Each structure stands twice: as structure tokens, then as C-alpha cells.
Amino acid sequence: MGISIKSAEAERKLRRVSRLLGKSMTATVLELADAKLKEIDVQKDRERRLRKIDEIVRHAKTLPILSTASEDEILGYNENGTFD
């Protein structure tokens, strides 16, 4: 199976990258495609995790406040900023 590169600039750049890597053009295309796919997968996973965090935060904001204690009291700090 073959592909046709119709851009002289694209071919020139691919040949240069191949030469610098010491690989065939096919191996270079595969390596570049694999790297880009990995980058895309990482970005999609990051976006998925951020959406999940946003969902958790939105849910937490809907929960009732069960204590009137301050953050310092909850953490155990005294008036000097140390633990009792």
C-alpha cells in the first residue's frame, strides 16, 4: 500500500527528518504518527479527567454544610497556628 505526497515541502521535510533519524521514510512516518496519536490520547485523557474533577466539584458544592466549625478548628489549629 502506498501514499502520495503532493507537496514538495512536505516531502523535503520528511526526507530531512528521515535522514536525521537514520530511518526510512516509512519508519519515520510511523514514528511521527505514533507520537502524534499518543499526544492526542494524552490530551483526551487529560480533558476527561478535568471533566470528572469538575463534576465532582459541582456535586460537592450541592452538599449541605454539616458543621459550623472553622477550617482551623477542623484541622486542629489553635490561636497560635499550631496543633494542640
Protein backbone atom coordinates (compact mmCIF):
# COMPACT_ATOMS: atom_id res chain seq x y z
CA MET A 1 0.00 0.00 0.00
CA GLY A 2 1.35 3.42 -0.82
CA ILE A 3 0.65 7.07 -0.25
CA SER A 4 1.36 10.01 -2.48
CA ILE A 5 2.86 13.18 -1.09
CA LYS A 6 1.77 16.01 -3.33
CA SER A 7 3.69 18.74 -1.54
CA ALA A 8 7.35 19.26 -2.36
CA GLU A 9 7.81 20.98 1.00
CA ALA A 10 6.26 18.06 2.89
CA GLU A 11 8.42 15.55 1.03
CA ARG A 12 11.56 17.63 1.62
CA LYS A 13 10.82 17.84 5.34
CA LEU A 14 10.02 14.14 5.61
CA ARG A 15 13.24 13.21 3.81
CA ARG A 16 15.23 15.52 6.11
CA VAL A 17 13.65 14.09 9.29
CA SER A 18 14.23 10.55 7.97
CA ARG A 19 17.86 11.32 7.24
CA LEU A 20 18.40 12.91 10.67
CA LEU A 21 16.79 9.92 12.40
CA GLY A 22 18.65 7.46 10.19
CA LYS A 23 15.37 5.75 9.31
CA SER A 24 13.40 5.01 6.20
CA MET A 25 10.62 7.37 5.22
CA THR A 26 8.08 4.68 6.12
CA ALA A 27 9.60 4.19 9.58
CA THR A 28 9.69 7.97 10.06
CA VAL A 29 6.03 8.37 9.10
CA LEU A 30 5.09 5.57 11.51
CA GLU A 31 7.14 7.10 14.32
CA LEU A 32 5.68 10.57 13.78
CA ALA A 33 2.13 9.21 13.52
CA ASP A 34 2.58 7.14 16.69
CA ALA A 35 3.93 10.17 18.57
CA LYS A 36 1.02 12.35 17.43
CA LEU A 37 -1.54 9.67 18.33
CA LYS A 38 -0.01 9.35 21.79
CA GLU A 39 -0.13 13.14 22.21
CA ILE A 40 -3.80 13.18 21.20
CA ASP A 41 -4.63 10.31 23.57
CA VAL A 42 -2.87 12.05 26.46
CA GLN A 43 -4.78 15.29 25.77
CA LYS A 44 -8.12 13.47 25.56
CA ASP A 45 -7.38 11.64 28.82
CA ARG A 46 -6.43 14.94 30.49
CA GLU A 47 -9.66 16.55 29.29
CA ARG A 48 -11.67 13.54 30.52
CA ARG A 49 -10.04 13.75 33.96
CA LEU A 50 -10.66 17.51 34.17
CA ARG A 51 -14.33 17.00 33.27
CA LYS A 52 -14.59 14.35 36.01
CA ILE A 53 -12.97 16.72 38.55
CA ASP A 54 -15.41 19.47 37.54
CA GLU A 55 -18.29 17.03 38.01
CA ILE A 56 -17.05 16.10 41.49
CA VAL A 57 -16.62 19.78 42.47
CA ARG A 58 -20.10 20.64 41.21
CA HIS A 59 -21.55 17.76 43.22
CA ALA A 60 -19.59 18.72 46.37
CA LYS A 61 -20.96 22.28 46.14
CA THR A 62 -24.51 20.92 46.31
CA LEU A 63 -23.89 19.05 49.58
CA PRO A 64 -25.17 20.58 52.81
CA ILE A 65 -22.76 22.08 55.35
CA LEU A 66 -22.85 19.74 58.36
CA SER A 67 -20.53 21.65 60.70
CA THR A 68 -20.21 25.25 61.81
CA ALA A 69 -16.57 24.72 62.84
CA SER A 70 -13.99 26.90 61.07
CA GLU A 71 -11.33 25.38 58.82
CA ASP A 72 -8.73 25.92 61.57
CA GLU A 73 -10.92 24.14 64.11
CA ILE A 74 -11.47 21.24 61.72
CA LEU A 75 -7.74 20.97 61.06
CA GLY A 76 -6.92 21.30 64.76
CA TYR A 77 -5.02 24.60 64.74
CA ASN A 78 -5.08 26.75 67.85
CA GLU A 79 -4.91 30.55 68.07
CA ASN A 80 -1.09 30.39 67.63
CA GLY A 81 -1.38 28.47 64.35
CA THR A 82 -0.06 25.26 65.84
CA PHE A 83 -1.70 21.99 66.77
CA ASP A 84 -2.92 21.34 70.30
